[in-house]
Amino acid sequence: MTGSGGKPRAVGAFDYIIVGAGSAGCVLANRLSANPATRVLLIEAGPRDSNPWIHVPLGYGRLVRDPSVNWMYSTVPQPELDGREIFQPRGKVLGGSSSINGLLYIRGQKEDFDDWQRLGATGWSWDDVLPYFIRAEHQERGASAYHGVGGPLPVSDQRDTHEVCDAFIDAAAQRGHSRNTDFNGPTQQGAGYYQTTSRNGRRISSAAAYLKPARNRPNLHIVTGALVSRIVFEGRTATGVEWTRGDIREAARAAGEVILASGAINSPQLLQLSGVGAPDLLGRHGIPVVVAVPEVGQNLQDHLQVRCIYRSKTPNTINDELRSWHGKLAVGLRYVLQRRGPLAVSAGSAGGFFRSEMSPDRPDIQAHFIRFSTDRMGDRLHRFSGFTVSSCQLRPESRGMVAIASSDHRAPPLIDPRYFTAEGDRRAHVAGISLLRAIMREGPIADMVAEEAEPGVAIRDDDEILAYCRRHASTLYHPVGTARMGADDRAVVDPRLRLRGVDRLRVVDGSVMPSLLSGNTHAGIVMIAEKASDMIIADAQTRDTAGKPIP
């Protein structure tokens, strides 16, 4: 269905159009619509967050391969990972990836943000961003110099501790690593339990934290099931967007700004489809160049994880609790009645941040300790009693890219992280696996291990460990960097997240990160959106559109 002359049906004019209702988009929708005189349109390609598994913490195991709420992307074959295509799940639902992620709340290291400032992201140092982390947070433990209360995003302790997790933490301490009760406090280093974005045993995504309280505002219009096809430009000024819902084409105008919040995969894709990107790429697909920005889609970074799987001597794992129908019934009842038990578990109850010999000054390895085991996330649990510990290199050196494969907005983009192309990344993963295996040989946890199922005792030297990593490494779901923020002429956005070379277009999501954070990225993306909302509101107060200030 279209308007006359094949034009899309107009749905109205708004002060702000936000493309993507994920970790960042929901924050922006809340903050920008707080002024009742400001008209905000939020567009999401996926459905509303009504799938009940979204709100159950362990539900990520089901949602990670559910195409109804997941883009289900894959990379191109990765030569350094034995030619494998690496599965890349991304949320396609209100809340975005915060509706299907593992719930861990990690901000990163102070040095990460000071590095951003050094790389040209003026105003994004640790001292600049900490107030926005605090503003967003409702910390279960109370306020402090590092934490806030009263913010939209709840940060909670694990609902249950467990003897196996305790044993891992004790083993790390016995190995000489410190204990840490707060990975977001004075130091990240050490082993301990993770905090999560949950409340009373239920996931609190960005949609639940920020969008739900604002949904009934008359000045906030939410459109779901809408796949944006292009940004509309008049000259070099963004004036609106067009999208499709099934066979229906629709469009809206933006009196103020178009804000991309579609993430590190979809934001560069939409820019390229709209004529913003490298001219040679756009030319190959017959897309007229609005403005040449060669680095759109470049600088892709992602965390890789490599898992070690252990058989337990005793039936004390989630594998055991969910093996039989009566076990599943008991687990379900416990969750319904108490909001506790395996269904309240995040993707890594315990873990830690450790320094390998390659990084003497700050942690470069993150560990996730999980009370179940499986061949890959989303598959059936193993029939044996098992648990998993994974190693993740925090600051990879490899850089990849995202590029459109077609001028058709429905076609998935090409995703090439170029994993393991940097020698330092390969060495770091070998060091990380060696570090974790050393912890797992310490008494408190070793006493619970029947055998190392993977990699297995036959894998000993560095070359064998590297070969194992090539065969088994997978994403930890943290792609960033494809619309890099900086002060140089090649940066995609400036430090106020405005796209260079065009007017009234901003990018607010993980794609603007100059470099990866040392840890899970959801908290950092929420922070970016909180800070961006202040910038957008401040800029609106001084900007004039058609001779009239935006309300």
Protein backbone atom coordinates (compact mmCIF):
# COMPACT_ATOMS: atom_id res chain seq x y z
CA MET A 1 0.00 0.00 0.00
CA THR A 2 1.47 3.35 -1.03
CA GLY A 3 0.29 6.85 -1.61
CA SER A 4 -0.35 8.44 -4.99
CA GLY A 5 2.42 8.12 -7.54
CA GLY A 6 3.97 5.23 -5.65
CA LYS A 7 4.99 7.44 -2.78
CA PRO A 8 5.05 5.95 0.75
CA ARG A 9 2.14 6.77 3.02
CA ALA A 10 3.00 9.70 5.29
CA VAL A 11 2.42 9.08 8.98
CA GLY A 12 3.31 12.53 10.27
CA ALA A 13 6.06 14.89 11.35
CA PHE A 14 8.09 14.57 14.53
CA ASP A 15 10.83 16.47 16.26
CA TYR A 16 12.94 13.31 16.58
CA ILE A 17 12.85 10.03 14.71
CA ILE A 18 14.75 7.24 16.47
CA VAL A 19 15.59 4.19 14.34
CA GLY A 20 15.98 1.13 16.56
CA ALA A 21 14.42 0.38 19.95
CA GLY A 22 17.37 -1.43 21.52
CA SER A 23 19.67 -0.68 24.43
CA ALA A 24 20.17 2.93 23.26
CA GLY A 25 16.92 3.64 21.42
CA CYS A 26 14.70 2.98 24.44
CA VAL A 27 16.81 5.33 26.57
CA LEU A 28 16.53 8.08 23.96
CA ALA A 29 12.77 7.59 23.58
CA ASN A 30 12.30 8.03 27.31
CA ARG A 31 14.59 11.02 27.79
CA LEU A 32 13.57 12.95 24.66
CA SER A 33 9.83 12.45 25.17
CA ALA A 34 10.02 13.64 28.79
CA ASN A 35 9.25 17.11 27.41
CA PRO A 36 5.55 16.86 26.46
CA ALA A 37 6.05 19.47 23.73
CA THR A 38 8.56 17.26 21.91
CA ARG A 39 7.16 14.77 19.39
CA VAL A 40 9.16 11.52 19.21
CA LEU A 41 8.82 8.58 16.80
CA LEU A 42 10.51 5.29 17.74
CA ILE A 43 10.79 2.70 14.96
CA GLU A 44 11.64 -0.97 15.60
CA ALA A 45 12.01 -3.72 13.00
CA GLY A 46 10.96 -6.44 15.43
CA PRO A 47 7.84 -7.06 17.51
CA ARG A 48 6.86 -5.92 20.97
CA ASP A 49 8.61 -7.69 23.84
CA SER A 50 5.70 -10.01 24.60
CA ASN A 51 7.59 -13.31 24.29
CA PRO A 52 7.53 -14.64 27.90
CA TRP A 53 11.09 -15.99 27.63
CA ILE A 54 12.39 -12.44 27.27
CA HIS A 55 11.54 -11.76 30.89
CA VAL A 56 13.07 -14.97 32.29
CA PRO A 57 16.85 -14.60 32.80
CA LEU A 58 17.79 -18.07 31.52
CA GLY A 59 15.49 -17.43 28.56
CA TYR A 60 18.51 -16.17 26.62
CA GLY A 61 19.30 -19.82 25.95
CA ARG A 62 16.07 -20.09 23.93
CA LEU A 63 16.14 -16.62 22.37
CA VAL A 64 19.69 -16.75 21.04
CA ARG A 65 18.43 -18.81 18.06
CA ASP A 66 14.83 -17.61 17.83
CA PRO A 67 14.26 -15.76 14.52
CA SER A 68 11.08 -14.14 15.82
CA VAL A 69 13.19 -11.82 18.04
CA ASN A 70 16.65 -12.23 16.52
CA TRP A 71 18.30 -11.08 13.29
CA MET A 72 20.16 -14.42 13.16
CA TYR A 73 23.16 -12.98 11.34
CA SER A 74 26.37 -14.85 10.49
CA THR A 75 29.77 -13.60 9.46
CA VAL A 76 31.44 -14.36 6.17
CA PRO A 77 33.86 -17.32 6.44
CA GLN A 78 36.72 -16.47 8.77
CA PRO A 79 40.06 -17.76 7.41
CA GLU A 80 41.78 -17.61 10.81
CA LEU A 81 38.97 -19.65 12.41
CA ASP A 82 39.29 -22.62 10.05
CA GLY A 83 37.02 -20.96 7.50
CA ARG A 84 33.98 -21.08 9.78
CA GLU A 85 31.03 -18.68 9.57
CA ILE A 86 30.46 -17.35 13.08
CA PHE A 87 26.86 -16.96 14.23
CA GLN A 88 26.02 -13.35 15.16
CA PRO A 89 22.73 -13.06 17.08
CA ARG A 90 21.34 -9.54 17.46
CA GLY A 91 18.06 -8.56 19.07
CA LYS A 92 15.13 -7.72 16.76
CA VAL A 93 12.46 -6.79 19.31
CA LEU A 94 11.65 -3.92 21.65
CA GLY A 95 14.72 -3.80 23.90
CA GLY A 96 16.96 -5.06 21.10
CA SER A 97 19.86 -7.18 22.28
CA SER A 98 19.10 -6.19 25.89
CA SER A 99 16.01 -8.43 25.54
CA ILE A 100 18.02 -11.51 24.57
CA ASN A 101 21.44 -10.98 26.18
CA GLY A 102 23.00 -12.65 29.22
CA LEU A 103 22.07 -9.80 31.63
CA LEU A 104 25.59 -9.07 32.95
CA TYR A 105 26.17 -5.50 34.11
CA ILE A 106 29.77 -4.51 33.36
CA ARG A 107 30.88 -0.96 32.62
CA GLY A 108 34.46 -1.58 31.53
CA GLN A 109 37.69 -0.13 32.86
CA LYS A 110 38.51 3.51 33.61
CA GLU A 111 41.31 3.31 31.07
CA ASP A 112 38.87 2.37 28.29
CA PHE A 113 37.17 5.75 28.43
CA ASP A 114 40.38 7.69 28.96
CA ASP A 115 41.61 5.94 25.80
CA TRP A 116 38.50 7.20 23.97
CA GLN A 117 39.41 10.74 25.00
CA ARG A 118 42.99 10.20 23.85
CA LEU A 119 41.69 8.95 20.49
CA GLY A 120 39.76 12.19 19.95
CA ALA A 121 36.43 11.50 21.69
CA THR A 122 36.56 14.71 23.69
CA GLY A 123 34.21 14.69 26.66
CA TRP A 124 34.11 10.88 26.96
CA SER A 125 36.80 10.30 29.60
CA TRP A 126 36.01 8.23 32.70
CA ASP A 127 35.30 11.36 34.74
CA ASP A 128 32.91 12.53 32.02
CA VAL A 129 30.93 9.29 31.70
CA LEU A 130 30.75 8.10 35.33
CA PRO A 131 27.89 10.51 36.19
CA TYR A 132 25.81 8.96 33.38
CA PHE A 133 26.44 5.43 34.57
CA ILE A 134 25.29 6.57 38.01
CA ARG A 135 22.23 8.40 36.63
CA ALA A 136 21.06 5.31 34.76
CA GLU A 137 21.48 2.90 37.68
CA HIS A 138 19.34 1.67 40.51
CA GLN A 139 21.90 -0.28 42.49
CA GLU A 140 20.47 -2.90 44.83
CA ARG A 141 23.32 -2.33 47.31
CA GLY A 142 22.69 1.41 47.59
CA ALA A 143 24.42 4.58 46.46
CA SER A 144 28.16 5.22 46.62
CA ALA A 145 30.86 7.13 44.78
CA TYR A 146 30.52 4.55 41.98
CA HIS A 147 26.83 3.69 42.08
CA GLY A 148 23.44 5.34 41.92
CA VAL A 149 19.94 4.66 43.15
CA GLY A 150 16.69 5.82 41.60
CA GLY A 151 17.73 5.37 37.98
CA PRO A 152 15.67 3.35 35.50
CA LEU A 153 18.06 0.39 35.18
CA PRO A 154 18.11 -2.02 38.14
CA VAL A 155 21.43 -3.66 38.96
CA SER A 156 21.06 -6.66 41.25
CA ASP A 157 23.07 -9.40 42.88
CA GLN A 158 22.66 -12.99 41.76
CA ARG A 159 19.53 -14.48 43.30
CA ASP A 160 21.42 -17.57 44.44
CA THR A 161 25.01 -18.43 45.13
CA HIS A 162 26.19 -21.99 44.55
CA GLU A 163 28.93 -24.27 45.82
CA VAL A 164 30.41 -24.78 42.34
CA CYS A 165 30.65 -21.02 41.73
CA ASP A 166 32.09 -20.52 45.22
CA ALA A 167 34.69 -23.18 44.44
CA PHE A 168 35.75 -21.38 41.25
CA ILE A 169 36.18 -18.09 43.12
CA ASP A 170 38.11 -19.84 45.91
CA ALA A 171 40.33 -21.57 43.35
CA ALA A 172 41.12 -18.26 41.67
CA ALA A 173 42.08 -16.81 45.04
CA GLN A 174 44.21 -19.86 45.82
CA ARG A 175 45.94 -19.33 42.47
CA GLY A 176 46.90 -15.82 43.59
CA HIS A 177 44.12 -13.75 42.04
CA SER A 178 42.24 -11.27 44.20
CA ARG A 179 38.59 -11.58 45.17
CA ASN A 180 36.25 -8.87 43.93
CA THR A 181 32.70 -8.20 45.13
CA ASP A 182 32.13 -5.31 42.70
CA PHE A 183 33.50 -5.42 39.15
CA ASN A 184 32.13 -1.87 38.65
CA GLY A 185 33.78 -0.40 41.72
CA PRO A 186 37.30 0.86 42.41
CA THR A 187 38.91 -1.98 40.44
CA GLN A 188 37.70 -4.53 37.94
CA GLN A 189 40.37 -7.09 38.69
CA GLY A 190 39.63 -10.32 40.54
CA ALA A 191 37.11 -13.14 40.80
CA GLY A 192 33.57 -12.97 42.13
CA TYR A 193 29.87 -13.03 41.31
CA TYR A 194 28.43 -10.90 38.53
CA GLN A 195 25.63 -8.40 39.02
CA THR A 196 22.80 -8.36 36.50
CA THR A 197 20.22 -6.07 34.92
CA SER A 198 17.33 -7.74 36.70
CA ARG A 199 14.80 -7.11 39.43
CA ASN A 200 13.37 -9.82 41.68
CA GLY A 201 14.51 -12.57 39.35
CA ARG A 202 13.18 -11.00 36.12
CA ARG A 203 15.15 -9.53 33.24
CA ILE A 204 14.89 -5.77 32.95
CA SER A 205 15.79 -4.85 29.39
CA SER A 206 16.04 -1.28 28.13
CA ALA A 207 12.44 -1.68 26.99
CA ALA A 208 11.32 -2.63 30.50
CA ALA A 209 13.52 -0.04 32.22
CA TYR A 210 13.07 2.98 29.95
CA LEU A 211 10.32 2.41 27.39
CA LYS A 212 7.59 0.86 29.52
CA PRO A 213 7.31 3.92 31.84
CA ALA A 214 7.06 6.22 28.79
CA ARG A 215 4.81 4.17 26.47
CA ASN A 216 1.62 5.99 27.32
CA ARG A 217 2.99 9.48 26.72
CA PRO A 218 0.84 11.04 23.97
CA ASN A 219 3.91 12.63 22.36
CA LEU A 220 5.71 9.26 21.94
CA HIS A 221 4.71 7.18 18.93
CA ILE A 222 6.09 3.62 18.69
CA VAL A 223 6.01 1.63 15.45
CA THR A 224 7.01 -2.05 15.52
CA GLY A 225 7.52 -4.51 12.69
CA ALA A 226 8.89 -1.64 10.59
CA LEU A 227 12.10 -2.18 8.61
CA VAL A 228 13.63 1.18 7.71
CA SER A 229 14.72 1.26 4.08
CA ARG A 230 16.45 4.62 3.90
CA ILE A 231 17.10 7.97 5.48
CA VAL A 232 15.56 10.78 3.43
CA PHE A 233 17.88 13.67 2.60
CA GLU A 234 17.27 17.11 1.16
CA GLY A 235 20.71 17.95 -0.07
CA ARG A 236 22.88 17.00 2.88
CA THR A 237 20.20 17.46 5.52
CA ALA A 238 18.39 14.44 6.98
CA THR A 239 14.69 15.20 6.88
CA GLY A 240 13.02 11.84 7.58
CA VAL A 241 12.98 8.11 7.03
CA GLU A 242 11.06 5.55 5.00
CA TRP A 243 10.23 2.02 6.08
CA THR A 244 8.25 -1.05 5.10
CA ARG A 245 5.78 -3.09 7.11
CA GLY A 246 5.12 -6.13 4.98
CA ASP A 247 3.99 -4.72 1.63
CA ILE A 248 3.16 -1.31 3.08
CA ARG A 249 5.56 1.59 2.56
CA GLU A 250 5.44 4.43 5.06
CA ALA A 251 7.43 7.55 5.81
CA ALA A 252 7.78 10.25 8.43
CA ARG A 253 9.46 13.65 8.51
CA ALA A 254 11.82 14.90 11.19
CA ALA A 255 11.69 18.58 12.04
CA GLY A 256 14.68 18.15 14.32
CA GLU A 257 16.90 15.10 13.97
CA VAL A 258 17.04 11.56 12.69
CA ILE A 259 18.85 9.41 15.26
CA LEU A 260 20.23 5.99 14.35
CA ALA A 261 20.24 3.58 17.29
CA SER A 262 20.24 0.30 15.36
CA GLY A 263 23.54 -1.07 16.58
CA ALA A 264 26.95 -1.80 15.11
CA ILE A 265 25.55 -3.99 12.32
CA ASN A 266 22.36 -2.24 11.24
CA SER A 267 23.33 1.42 11.68
CA PRO A 268 26.19 1.32 9.13
CA GLN A 269 24.01 -0.79 6.84
CA LEU A 270 21.28 1.87 6.85
CA LEU A 271 23.79 4.67 6.30
CA GLN A 272 25.18 2.86 3.26
CA LEU A 273 21.71 2.12 1.87
CA SER A 274 20.97 5.85 2.23
CA GLY A 275 24.04 7.03 0.32
CA VAL A 276 26.41 7.67 3.20
CA GLY A 277 29.57 5.60 3.03
CA ALA A 278 32.47 4.65 0.78
CA PRO A 279 31.73 5.76 -2.81
CA ASP A 280 33.14 2.59 -4.39
CA LEU A 281 30.86 0.39 -2.26
CA LEU A 282 27.80 2.54 -2.97
CA GLY A 283 28.63 2.64 -6.66
CA ARG A 284 28.78 -1.16 -6.92
CA HIS A 285 25.18 -1.28 -5.74
CA GLY A 286 23.89 1.66 -7.74
CA ILE A 287 23.29 3.90 -4.73
CA PRO A 288 23.81 7.66 -5.32
CA VAL A 289 26.34 9.19 -2.95
CA VAL A 290 24.88 11.77 -0.57
CA VAL A 291 28.17 12.21 1.26
CA ALA A 292 31.38 10.21 1.08
CA VAL A 293 32.28 8.82 4.51
CA PRO A 294 34.71 5.97 3.78
CA GLU A 295 34.91 4.66 7.34
CA VAL A 296 31.20 3.86 7.65
CA GLY A 297 31.16 0.14 8.42
CA GLN A 298 34.90 -0.02 9.11
CA ASN A 299 36.60 -0.50 12.51
CA LEU A 300 34.35 -3.44 13.49
CA GLN A 301 35.50 -5.01 16.76
CA ASP A 302 34.03 -7.89 18.72
CA HIS A 303 34.81 -10.08 21.70
CA LEU A 304 35.57 -13.72 21.03
CA GLN A 305 35.11 -16.38 23.68
CA VAL A 306 36.58 -19.87 23.92
CA ARG A 307 34.90 -22.31 26.30
CA CYS A 308 36.32 -25.09 28.43
CA ILE A 309 33.84 -27.76 29.51
CA TYR A 310 34.18 -29.92 32.64
CA ARG A 311 32.36 -33.00 33.85
CA SER A 312 31.29 -32.73 37.46
CA LYS A 313 31.88 -35.50 39.98
CA THR A 314 28.45 -34.94 41.50
CA PRO A 315 25.03 -34.19 39.95
CA ASN A 316 25.02 -30.55 41.10
CA THR A 317 24.72 -28.73 37.76
CA ILE A 318 21.84 -27.23 35.82
CA ASN A 319 22.30 -30.10 33.35
CA ASP A 320 21.11 -32.41 36.14
CA GLU A 321 18.25 -30.21 37.29
CA LEU A 322 16.76 -29.94 33.78
CA ARG A 323 17.41 -33.50 32.59
CA SER A 324 14.02 -35.04 33.48
CA TRP A 325 10.46 -33.82 33.13
CA HIS A 326 9.95 -33.76 36.90
CA GLY A 327 13.20 -31.83 37.29
CA LYS A 328 11.99 -29.26 34.78
CA LEU A 329 8.66 -29.06 36.60
CA ALA A 330 10.40 -28.44 39.93
CA VAL A 331 12.63 -25.77 38.39
CA GLY A 332 9.63 -24.09 36.79
CA LEU A 333 7.62 -24.09 40.00
CA ARG A 334 10.50 -22.70 41.98
CA TYR A 335 10.86 -19.85 39.53
CA VAL A 336 7.13 -19.10 39.42
CA LEU A 337 6.78 -19.16 43.20
CA GLN A 338 10.12 -17.73 44.31
CA ARG A 339 11.84 -16.23 41.23
CA ARG A 340 14.88 -18.36 42.12
CA GLY A 341 16.71 -21.38 40.82
CA PRO A 342 18.19 -22.15 37.38
CA LEU A 343 15.69 -20.01 35.46
CA ALA A 344 16.99 -16.94 37.33
CA VAL A 345 20.60 -17.56 36.26
CA SER A 346 22.45 -15.11 34.02
CA ALA A 347 25.04 -15.99 31.37
CA GLY A 348 27.79 -16.39 33.89
CA SER A 349 26.88 -16.42 37.56
CA ALA A 350 30.50 -16.06 38.61
CA GLY A 351 33.65 -15.12 36.79
CA GLY A 352 36.42 -12.63 36.88
CA PHE A 353 38.85 -10.29 35.22
CA PHE A 354 42.47 -11.39 35.15
CA ARG A 355 45.84 -10.18 33.93
CA SER A 356 47.76 -12.51 31.68
CA GLU A 357 51.49 -12.19 31.17
CA MET A 358 50.67 -10.04 28.12
CA SER A 359 49.02 -7.30 30.21
CA PRO A 360 50.84 -6.63 33.48
CA ASP A 361 48.99 -3.39 34.31
CA ARG A 362 45.28 -4.15 33.81
CA PRO A 363 43.04 -7.16 33.19
CA ASP A 364 42.99 -8.42 29.62
CA ILE A 365 41.03 -11.65 30.16
CA GLN A 366 37.40 -12.05 31.27
CA ALA A 367 36.04 -15.37 32.53
CA HIS A 368 32.42 -16.50 32.64
CA PHE A 369 31.65 -19.46 34.88
CA ILE A 370 28.33 -21.16 34.07
CA ARG A 371 26.63 -24.04 35.92
CA PHE A 372 25.68 -25.87 32.74
CA SER A 373 27.34 -27.14 29.58
CA THR A 374 26.32 -27.48 25.94
CA ASP A 375 27.99 -27.80 22.58
CA ARG A 376 26.94 -24.27 21.64
CA MET A 377 24.64 -21.64 23.12
CA GLY A 378 21.02 -22.47 22.36
CA ASP A 379 21.62 -26.22 21.96
CA ARG A 380 20.42 -28.95 24.30
CA LEU A 381 22.31 -29.31 27.54
CA HIS A 382 24.75 -32.19 27.78
CA ARG A 383 23.44 -35.42 29.24
CA PHE A 384 26.32 -35.52 31.70
CA SER A 385 26.80 -33.35 34.80
CA GLY A 386 28.74 -30.42 33.43
CA PHE A 387 29.78 -26.81 33.85
CA THR A 388 31.59 -24.31 31.63
CA VAL A 389 34.24 -21.64 32.03
CA SER A 390 35.01 -19.41 29.08
CA SER A 391 37.90 -17.08 28.32
CA CYS A 392 37.45 -13.78 26.49
CA GLN A 393 40.19 -11.42 25.33
CA LEU A 394 39.02 -7.97 26.43
CA ARG A 395 40.78 -5.67 23.94
CA PRO A 396 41.21 -7.36 20.56
CA GLU A 397 43.47 -5.77 17.97
CA SER A 398 41.73 -7.29 14.91
CA ARG A 399 39.53 -4.90 12.93
CA GLY A 400 36.81 -5.85 10.50
CA MET A 401 33.93 -4.31 8.58
CA VAL A 402 30.21 -4.32 7.81
CA ALA A 403 29.09 -3.68 4.23
CA ILE A 404 25.83 -3.89 2.34
CA ALA A 405 25.55 -6.92 0.06
CA SER A 406 22.66 -5.44 -1.95
CA SER A 407 20.68 -2.26 -2.41
CA ASP A 408 17.70 -4.21 -1.02
CA HIS A 409 17.18 -3.14 2.59
CA ARG A 410 15.81 -6.61 3.40
CA ALA A 411 19.10 -8.33 2.50
CA PRO A 412 21.45 -9.03 5.42
CA PRO A 413 24.76 -7.18 5.28
CA LEU A 414 28.18 -8.75 4.94
CA ILE A 415 29.80 -9.04 8.37
CA ASP A 416 33.56 -9.65 8.43
CA PRO A 417 35.13 -9.19 11.89
CA ARG A 418 38.45 -10.62 10.60
CA TYR A 419 38.85 -12.49 13.84
CA PHE A 420 42.38 -13.56 14.81
CA THR A 421 44.04 -11.56 12.03
CA ALA A 422 46.18 -9.83 14.68
CA GLU A 423 48.92 -12.00 16.16
CA GLY A 424 48.36 -10.42 19.57
CA ASP A 425 44.79 -11.73 19.61
CA ARG A 426 45.95 -15.27 18.96
CA ARG A 427 48.55 -15.07 21.72
CA ALA A 428 46.03 -13.55 24.15
CA HIS A 429 43.54 -16.37 23.65
CA VAL A 430 46.20 -19.00 24.26
CA ALA A 431 47.21 -17.12 27.41
CA GLY A 432 43.59 -16.87 28.56
CA ILE A 433 42.89 -20.60 28.17
CA SER A 434 46.13 -21.42 29.97
CA LEU A 435 45.22 -19.05 32.80
CA LEU A 436 41.77 -20.58 33.29
CA ARG A 437 43.04 -24.15 33.13
CA ALA A 438 45.51 -23.27 35.86
CA ILE A 439 42.65 -22.01 38.06
CA MET A 440 40.64 -25.15 37.34
CA ARG A 441 43.55 -27.30 38.59
CA GLU A 442 43.39 -25.68 42.04
CA GLY A 443 41.91 -27.74 44.88
CA PRO A 444 38.54 -26.04 45.59
CA ILE A 445 37.29 -26.53 42.02
CA ALA A 446 39.57 -29.39 40.98
CA ASP A 447 38.03 -31.51 43.73
CA MET A 448 34.67 -31.19 41.95
CA VAL A 449 35.96 -32.04 38.45
CA ALA A 450 35.71 -35.57 37.09
CA GLU A 451 37.49 -34.63 33.85
CA GLU A 452 38.14 -31.81 31.44
CA ALA A 453 35.86 -32.72 28.55
CA GLU A 454 37.12 -29.87 26.35
CA PRO A 455 39.81 -29.08 25.36
CA GLY A 456 40.82 -32.34 27.07
CA VAL A 457 44.13 -33.47 28.50
CA ALA A 458 45.50 -34.28 25.03
CA ILE A 459 45.63 -30.53 24.27
CA ARG A 460 48.83 -29.35 25.96
CA ASP A 461 51.19 -26.94 24.20
CA ASP A 462 50.49 -23.47 22.81
CA ASP A 463 50.09 -24.63 19.21
CA GLU A 464 47.50 -27.22 20.25
CA ILE A 465 45.62 -24.66 22.34
CA LEU A 466 45.62 -22.21 19.43
CA ALA A 467 44.27 -24.89 17.10
CA TYR A 468 41.51 -25.60 19.64
CA CYS A 469 40.68 -21.88 19.74
CA ARG A 470 40.46 -21.75 15.95
CA ARG A 471 38.01 -24.67 15.98
CA HIS A 472 35.80 -23.49 18.82
CA ALA A 473 35.99 -19.69 19.29
CA SER A 474 32.63 -17.92 19.03
CA THR A 475 31.37 -14.40 19.49
CA LEU A 476 30.54 -13.01 22.91
CA TYR A 477 27.97 -10.80 21.14
CA HIS A 478 29.68 -7.40 21.52
CA PRO A 479 30.17 -5.87 18.04
CA VAL A 480 31.04 -2.16 18.14
CA GLY A 481 32.97 0.54 16.34
CA THR A 482 31.46 0.75 12.83
CA ALA A 483 30.56 4.47 13.09
CA ARG A 484 33.65 5.53 14.99
CA MET A 485 33.57 8.67 17.12
CA GLY A 486 36.55 10.99 16.92
CA ALA A 487 37.95 14.43 16.15
CA ASP A 488 39.83 13.50 12.96
CA ASP A 489 38.43 14.00 9.47
CA ARG A 490 37.97 10.27 8.87
CA ALA A 491 35.84 9.69 11.99
CA VAL A 492 32.20 8.90 11.16
CA VAL A 493 30.70 10.97 13.99
CA ASP A 494 32.08 13.83 16.04
CA PRO A 495 32.21 13.73 19.86
CA ARG A 496 28.61 14.95 19.97
CA LEU A 497 27.71 11.92 17.82
CA ARG A 498 26.70 14.06 14.83
CA LEU A 499 27.43 12.45 11.48
CA ARG A 500 30.16 14.31 9.66
CA GLY A 501 29.23 15.98 6.40
CA VAL A 502 25.46 16.03 6.93
CA ASP A 503 23.05 17.95 9.11
CA ARG A 504 20.44 16.71 11.62
CA LEU A 505 21.67 13.12 11.67
CA ARG A 506 23.17 11.47 14.73
CA VAL A 507 24.29 7.93 15.61
CA VAL A 508 23.75 6.78 19.20
CA ASP A 509 24.65 3.15 19.83
CA GLY A 510 27.65 0.83 20.18
CA SER A 511 28.84 1.61 16.67
CA VAL A 512 30.25 4.96 17.86
CA MET A 513 32.72 3.37 20.28
CA PRO A 514 36.28 4.08 19.09
CA SER A 515 37.44 0.90 20.81
CA LEU A 516 35.83 -1.99 22.65
CA LEU A 517 35.10 -1.76 26.33
CA SER A 518 36.81 -4.22 28.64
CA GLY A 519 33.72 -6.29 29.32
CA ASN A 520 30.07 -6.65 28.35
CA THR A 521 28.77 -3.69 26.36
CA HIS A 522 25.12 -3.17 27.35
CA ALA A 523 25.85 -0.87 30.32
CA GLY A 524 28.18 1.23 28.18
CA ILE A 525 25.60 1.63 25.42
CA VAL A 526 22.97 2.75 27.94
CA MET A 527 25.49 5.29 29.21
CA ILE A 528 26.15 6.55 25.67
CA ALA A 529 22.43 7.10 25.15
CA GLU A 530 22.03 8.87 28.49
CA LYS A 531 24.85 11.28 27.64
CA ALA A 532 23.63 11.69 24.07
CA SER A 533 20.14 12.65 25.25
CA ASP A 534 21.61 15.60 27.14
CA MET A 535 23.60 16.63 24.06
CA ILE A 536 20.55 16.40 21.79
CA ILE A 537 18.39 18.46 24.13
CA ALA A 538 21.13 21.07 24.58
CA ASP A 539 21.71 21.34 20.81
CA ALA A 540 17.97 21.72 20.18
CA GLN A 541 17.87 24.77 22.38
CA THR A 542 20.27 26.61 20.07
CA ARG A 543 19.30 25.16 16.70
CA ASP A 544 16.86 26.91 14.39
CA THR A 545 14.84 24.98 11.83
CA ALA A 546 12.97 27.01 9.22
CA GLY A 547 13.31 30.04 11.43
CA LYS A 548 11.63 28.42 14.43
CA PRO A 549 13.34 26.76 17.37
CA ILE A 550 12.42 23.15 18.04
CA PRO A 551 10.30 22.84 21.22
